[in-house]
């Protein structure tokens, strides 16, 4: 009886986790759309840089949520690469905005 109760509880948590993951994915998709809007329409370069940094974080979050939804650890390497690319891109844009050039 106890084992059956735990199995039913596990299935309920799984359905709940799938629902919450999908809701979070929808919220992140909306955030990504707003970031893309700010990148295209942004009045200043600093606005575009912040939107790019936020968009890279949102994409990393989406990939993490998809790995939870698909019950796979295959894409965690992609998360590391996306995080690194997002950080390097943000650092390059910040340096360009501060100095007006990337290299000496």
N, C-alpha and C. Protein backbone atom coordinates (compact mmCIF):
# COMPACT_ATOMS: atom_id res chain seq x y z
N UNK A 1 0.82 -1.19 0.00
CA UNK A 1 0.00 0.00 0.00
C UNK A 1 0.87 1.26 0.00
N UNK A 2 1.93 1.24 0.77
CA UNK A 2 2.78 2.42 0.85
C UNK A 2 3.48 2.64 -0.49
N UNK A 3 3.95 1.58 -1.12
CA UNK A 3 4.64 1.70 -2.40
C UNK A 3 3.70 2.26 -3.47
N UNK A 4 2.43 1.82 -3.46
CA UNK A 4 1.48 2.32 -4.43
C UNK A 4 1.19 3.80 -4.18
N UNK A 5 1.12 4.20 -2.95
CA UNK A 5 0.90 5.60 -2.61
C UNK A 5 2.05 6.48 -3.06
N UNK A 6 3.28 5.99 -2.89
CA UNK A 6 4.44 6.76 -3.34
C UNK A 6 4.49 6.85 -4.85
N UNK A 7 4.10 5.78 -5.55
CA UNK A 7 4.09 5.82 -7.01
C UNK A 7 3.04 6.82 -7.50
N UNK A 8 1.89 6.85 -6.89
CA UNK A 8 0.86 7.80 -7.29
C UNK A 8 1.30 9.23 -6.98
N UNK A 9 1.95 9.42 -5.85
CA UNK A 9 2.45 10.75 -5.50
C UNK A 9 3.54 11.19 -6.47
N UNK A 10 4.39 10.26 -6.88
CA UNK A 10 5.45 10.57 -7.84
C UNK A 10 4.86 10.98 -9.18
N UNK A 11 3.80 10.30 -9.62
CA UNK A 11 3.15 10.66 -10.88
C UNK A 11 2.51 12.04 -10.77
N UNK A 12 1.95 12.37 -9.63
CA UNK A 12 1.33 13.67 -9.44
C UNK A 12 2.38 14.77 -9.46
N UNK A 13 3.50 14.54 -8.83
CA UNK A 13 4.59 15.51 -8.85
C UNK A 13 5.10 15.68 -10.26
N UNK A 14 5.17 14.60 -11.01
CA UNK A 14 5.64 14.67 -12.38
C UNK A 14 4.70 15.53 -13.24
N UNK A 15 3.41 15.36 -13.09
CA UNK A 15 2.44 16.17 -13.83
C UNK A 15 2.54 17.62 -13.37
N UNK A 16 2.66 17.83 -12.09
CA UNK A 16 2.79 19.18 -11.56
C UNK A 16 4.07 19.84 -12.07
N UNK A 17 5.17 19.10 -12.07
CA UNK A 17 6.43 19.63 -12.56
C UNK A 17 6.35 19.98 -14.04
N UNK A 18 5.70 19.14 -14.83
CA UNK A 18 5.54 19.42 -16.25
C UNK A 18 4.71 20.69 -16.46
N UNK A 19 3.66 20.85 -15.68
CA UNK A 19 2.81 22.04 -15.81
C UNK A 19 3.58 23.31 -15.44
N UNK A 20 4.28 23.28 -14.34
CA UNK A 20 5.04 24.46 -13.89
C UNK A 20 6.17 24.77 -14.88
N UNK A 21 6.81 23.74 -15.40
CA UNK A 21 7.88 23.94 -16.38
C UNK A 21 7.34 24.61 -17.64
N UNK A 22 6.19 24.17 -18.12
CA UNK A 22 5.59 24.78 -19.31
C UNK A 22 5.17 26.22 -19.06
N UNK A 23 4.65 26.50 -17.89
CA UNK A 23 4.28 27.89 -17.56
C UNK A 23 5.52 28.77 -17.52
N UNK A 24 6.59 28.26 -16.94
CA UNK A 24 7.84 29.02 -16.89
C UNK A 24 8.43 29.22 -18.28
N UNK A 25 8.30 28.22 -19.15
CA UNK A 25 8.77 28.36 -20.52
C UNK A 25 7.98 29.45 -21.26
N UNK A 26 6.68 29.50 -21.04
CA UNK A 26 5.87 30.56 -21.66
C UNK A 26 6.29 31.93 -21.15
N UNK A 27 6.55 32.05 -19.87
CA UNK A 27 6.99 33.33 -19.31
C UNK A 27 8.35 33.73 -19.88
N UNK A 28 9.26 32.77 -20.01
CA UNK A 28 10.57 33.08 -20.59
C UNK A 28 10.46 33.41 -22.07
N UNK A 29 9.53 32.78 -22.78
CA UNK A 29 9.33 33.11 -24.18
C UNK A 29 8.84 34.55 -24.33
N UNK A 30 7.93 34.96 -23.46
CA UNK A 30 7.48 36.36 -23.47
C UNK A 30 8.60 37.33 -23.15
N UNK A 31 9.44 36.97 -22.20
CA UNK A 31 10.59 37.79 -21.86
C UNK A 31 11.56 37.89 -23.02
N UNK A 32 11.77 36.77 -23.72
CA UNK A 32 12.66 36.78 -24.88
C UNK A 32 12.11 37.68 -25.98
N UNK A 33 10.80 37.67 -26.17
CA UNK A 33 10.19 38.54 -27.18
C UNK A 33 10.39 40.01 -26.81
N UNK A 34 10.25 40.35 -25.54
CA UNK A 34 10.47 41.73 -25.11
C UNK A 34 11.93 42.13 -25.27
N UNK A 35 12.85 41.20 -25.00
CA UNK A 35 14.27 41.50 -25.19
C UNK A 35 14.60 41.72 -26.66
N UNK A 36 14.03 40.90 -27.53
CA UNK A 36 14.25 41.10 -28.96
C UNK A 36 13.70 42.45 -29.43
N UNK A 37 12.57 42.83 -28.89
CA UNK A 37 12.00 44.14 -29.20
C UNK A 37 12.96 45.25 -28.77
N UNK A 38 13.53 45.13 -27.58
CA UNK A 38 14.44 46.16 -27.09
C UNK A 38 15.75 46.17 -27.89
N UNK A 39 16.19 45.01 -28.35
CA UNK A 39 17.40 44.97 -29.18
C UNK A 39 17.16 45.68 -30.50
N UNK A 40 15.99 45.49 -31.11
CA UNK A 40 15.70 46.09 -32.40
C UNK A 40 15.35 47.57 -32.26
N UNK A 41 14.55 47.93 -31.28
CA UNK A 41 14.02 49.29 -31.16
C UNK A 41 14.82 50.15 -30.20
N UNK A 42 15.61 49.56 -29.33
CA UNK A 42 16.32 50.29 -28.28
C UNK A 42 16.91 51.61 -28.72
N UNK A 43 16.65 52.69 -28.02
CA UNK A 43 17.14 53.98 -28.49
C UNK A 43 18.65 54.16 -28.33
N UNK A 44 19.24 53.48 -27.37
CA UNK A 44 20.68 53.63 -27.14
C UNK A 44 21.37 52.27 -27.21
N UNK A 45 22.67 52.32 -27.41
CA UNK A 45 23.45 51.08 -27.48
C UNK A 45 23.47 50.37 -26.12
N UNK A 46 23.43 51.13 -25.04
CA UNK A 46 23.43 50.50 -23.71
C UNK A 46 22.15 49.69 -23.49
N UNK A 47 21.02 50.19 -24.00
CA UNK A 47 19.77 49.44 -23.91
C UNK A 47 19.86 48.12 -24.66
N UNK A 48 20.48 48.18 -25.83
CA UNK A 48 20.64 46.97 -26.63
C UNK A 48 21.59 45.97 -25.93
N UNK A 49 22.63 46.48 -25.29
CA UNK A 49 23.57 45.61 -24.59
C UNK A 49 22.90 44.91 -23.41
N UNK A 50 22.11 45.63 -22.66
CA UNK A 50 21.41 45.02 -21.53
C UNK A 50 20.39 44.00 -22.02
N UNK A 51 19.70 44.32 -23.11
CA UNK A 51 18.73 43.38 -23.67
C UNK A 51 19.42 42.11 -24.16
N UNK A 52 20.61 42.26 -24.78
CA UNK A 52 21.36 41.10 -25.23
C UNK A 52 21.78 40.22 -24.05
N UNK A 53 22.24 40.84 -22.99
CA UNK A 53 22.65 40.09 -21.80
C UNK A 53 21.46 39.35 -21.19
N UNK A 54 20.35 40.04 -21.11
CA UNK A 54 19.15 39.41 -20.56
C UNK A 54 18.66 38.28 -21.46
N UNK A 55 18.72 38.49 -22.77
CA UNK A 55 18.29 37.45 -23.71
C UNK A 55 19.17 36.21 -23.60
N UNK A 56 20.45 36.38 -23.43
CA UNK A 56 21.32 35.21 -23.29
C UNK A 56 20.98 34.44 -22.01
N UNK A 57 20.67 35.15 -20.94
CA UNK A 57 20.27 34.47 -19.70
C UNK A 57 18.93 33.76 -19.85
N UNK A 58 18.02 34.38 -20.58
CA UNK A 58 16.71 33.76 -20.81
C UNK A 58 16.85 32.50 -21.64
N UNK A 59 17.70 32.51 -22.65
CA UNK A 59 17.90 31.32 -23.47
C UNK A 59 18.51 30.19 -22.65
N UNK A 60 19.44 30.53 -21.77
CA UNK A 60 20.02 29.51 -20.89
C UNK A 60 18.93 28.93 -19.99
N UNK A 61 18.08 29.77 -19.46
CA UNK A 61 16.97 29.28 -18.64
C UNK A 61 16.01 28.39 -19.41
N UNK A 62 15.74 28.76 -20.66
CA UNK A 62 14.86 27.93 -21.49
C UNK A 62 15.47 26.55 -21.74
N UNK A 63 16.75 26.51 -22.03
CA UNK A 63 17.40 25.22 -22.27
C UNK A 63 17.38 24.38 -21.00
N UNK A 64 17.61 24.99 -19.85
CA UNK A 64 17.55 24.24 -18.58
C UNK A 64 16.15 23.69 -18.33
N UNK A 65 15.13 24.49 -18.58
CA UNK A 65 13.77 24.01 -18.38
C UNK A 65 13.41 22.91 -19.38
N UNK A 66 13.90 23.01 -20.60
CA UNK A 66 13.64 21.95 -21.57
C UNK A 66 14.32 20.65 -21.18
N UNK A 67 15.50 20.72 -20.58
CA UNK A 67 16.15 19.50 -20.13
C UNK A 67 15.37 18.85 -18.99
N UNK A 68 14.75 19.67 -18.15
CA UNK A 68 13.90 19.12 -17.09
C UNK A 68 12.66 18.48 -17.70
N UNK A 69 12.06 19.17 -18.67
CA UNK A 69 10.83 18.67 -19.28
C UNK A 69 11.09 17.39 -20.06
N UNK A 70 12.22 17.30 -20.74
CA UNK A 70 12.55 16.12 -21.54
C UNK A 70 13.25 15.04 -20.72
N UNK A 71 13.51 15.31 -19.44
CA UNK A 71 14.20 14.38 -18.54
C UNK A 71 15.50 13.88 -19.15
N UNK A 72 16.32 14.83 -19.62
CA UNK A 72 17.59 14.50 -20.26
C UNK A 72 18.67 15.43 -19.74
N UNK A 73 19.85 14.90 -19.60
CA UNK A 73 20.99 15.73 -19.20
C UNK A 73 21.90 16.03 -20.38
N UNK A 74 21.45 15.70 -21.56
CA UNK A 74 22.25 15.85 -22.76
C UNK A 74 22.58 17.30 -23.07
N UNK A 75 21.71 18.22 -22.74
CA UNK A 75 21.87 19.61 -23.15
C UNK A 75 22.58 20.48 -22.12
N UNK A 76 23.02 19.92 -21.02
CA UNK A 76 23.70 20.74 -20.02
C UNK A 76 25.05 21.24 -20.52
N UNK A 77 25.68 20.53 -21.43
CA UNK A 77 26.90 21.05 -22.05
C UNK A 77 26.60 22.29 -22.87
N UNK A 78 25.46 22.27 -23.54
CA UNK A 78 25.05 23.45 -24.31
C UNK A 78 24.80 24.64 -23.39
N UNK A 79 24.31 24.39 -22.20
CA UNK A 79 24.08 25.47 -21.23
C UNK A 79 25.40 26.13 -20.86
N UNK A 80 26.44 25.33 -20.63
CA UNK A 80 27.75 25.90 -20.30
C UNK A 80 28.27 26.76 -21.44
N UNK A 81 28.13 26.27 -22.67
CA UNK A 81 28.61 27.02 -23.83
C UNK A 81 27.82 28.31 -24.01
N UNK A 82 26.50 28.23 -23.88
CA UNK A 82 25.68 29.44 -24.02
C UNK A 82 25.98 30.45 -22.93
N UNK A 83 26.24 29.99 -21.73
CA UNK A 83 26.59 30.90 -20.65
C UNK A 83 27.91 31.61 -20.94
N UNK A 84 28.88 30.87 -21.42
CA UNK A 84 30.18 31.45 -21.75
C UNK A 84 30.06 32.45 -22.89
N UNK A 85 29.34 32.10 -23.93
CA UNK A 85 29.16 33.00 -25.07
C UNK A 85 28.41 34.26 -24.63
N UNK A 86 27.39 34.10 -23.82
CA UNK A 86 26.65 35.27 -23.33
C UNK A 86 27.52 36.19 -22.50
N UNK A 87 28.35 35.62 -21.63
CA UNK A 87 29.23 36.44 -20.80
C UNK A 87 30.27 37.16 -21.65
N UNK A 88 30.89 36.43 -22.57
CA UNK A 88 31.91 37.07 -23.42
C UNK A 88 31.31 38.14 -24.32
N UNK A 89 30.13 37.89 -24.83
CA UNK A 89 29.46 38.90 -25.64
C UNK A 89 29.11 40.14 -24.84
N UNK A 90 28.62 39.96 -23.64
CA UNK A 90 28.29 41.09 -22.77
C UNK A 90 29.54 41.87 -22.39
N UNK A 91 30.62 41.16 -22.10
CA UNK A 91 31.87 41.84 -21.74
C UNK A 91 32.41 42.63 -22.93
N UNK A 92 32.33 42.07 -24.13
CA UNK A 92 32.81 42.77 -25.32
C UNK A 92 31.98 44.01 -25.60
N UNK A 93 30.68 43.90 -25.47
CA UNK A 93 29.81 45.06 -25.71
C UNK A 93 30.06 46.14 -24.67
N UNK A 94 30.22 45.75 -23.41
CA UNK A 94 30.49 46.73 -22.36
C UNK A 94 31.82 47.43 -22.59
N UNK A 95 32.82 46.68 -23.00
CA UNK A 95 34.13 47.30 -23.27
C UNK A 95 34.04 48.25 -24.47
N UNK A 96 33.32 47.86 -25.48
CA UNK A 96 33.15 48.72 -26.64
C UNK A 96 32.42 50.02 -26.26
N UNK A 97 31.38 49.90 -25.44
CA UNK A 97 30.63 51.09 -25.04
C UNK A 97 31.46 52.00 -24.15
N UNK A 98 32.33 51.41 -23.34
CA UNK A 98 33.14 52.21 -22.42
C UNK A 98 34.30 52.91 -23.13
N UNK A 99 34.95 52.21 -24.07
CA UNK A 99 36.16 52.75 -24.69
C UNK A 99 35.98 53.17 -26.13
N UNK A 100 34.94 52.70 -26.78
CA UNK A 100 34.75 53.03 -28.18
C UNK A 100 35.47 52.08 -29.11
N UNK A 101 36.18 51.11 -28.58
CA UNK A 101 36.87 50.11 -29.39
C UNK A 101 37.04 48.85 -28.56
N UNK A 102 37.28 47.72 -29.23
CA UNK A 102 37.45 46.45 -28.53
C UNK A 102 38.91 46.15 -28.22
N UNK A 103 39.78 46.48 -29.15
CA UNK A 103 41.20 46.16 -29.00
C UNK A 103 41.99 47.44 -28.84
N UNK A 104 43.20 47.32 -28.35
CA UNK A 104 44.06 48.49 -28.12
C UNK A 104 44.41 49.12 -29.37
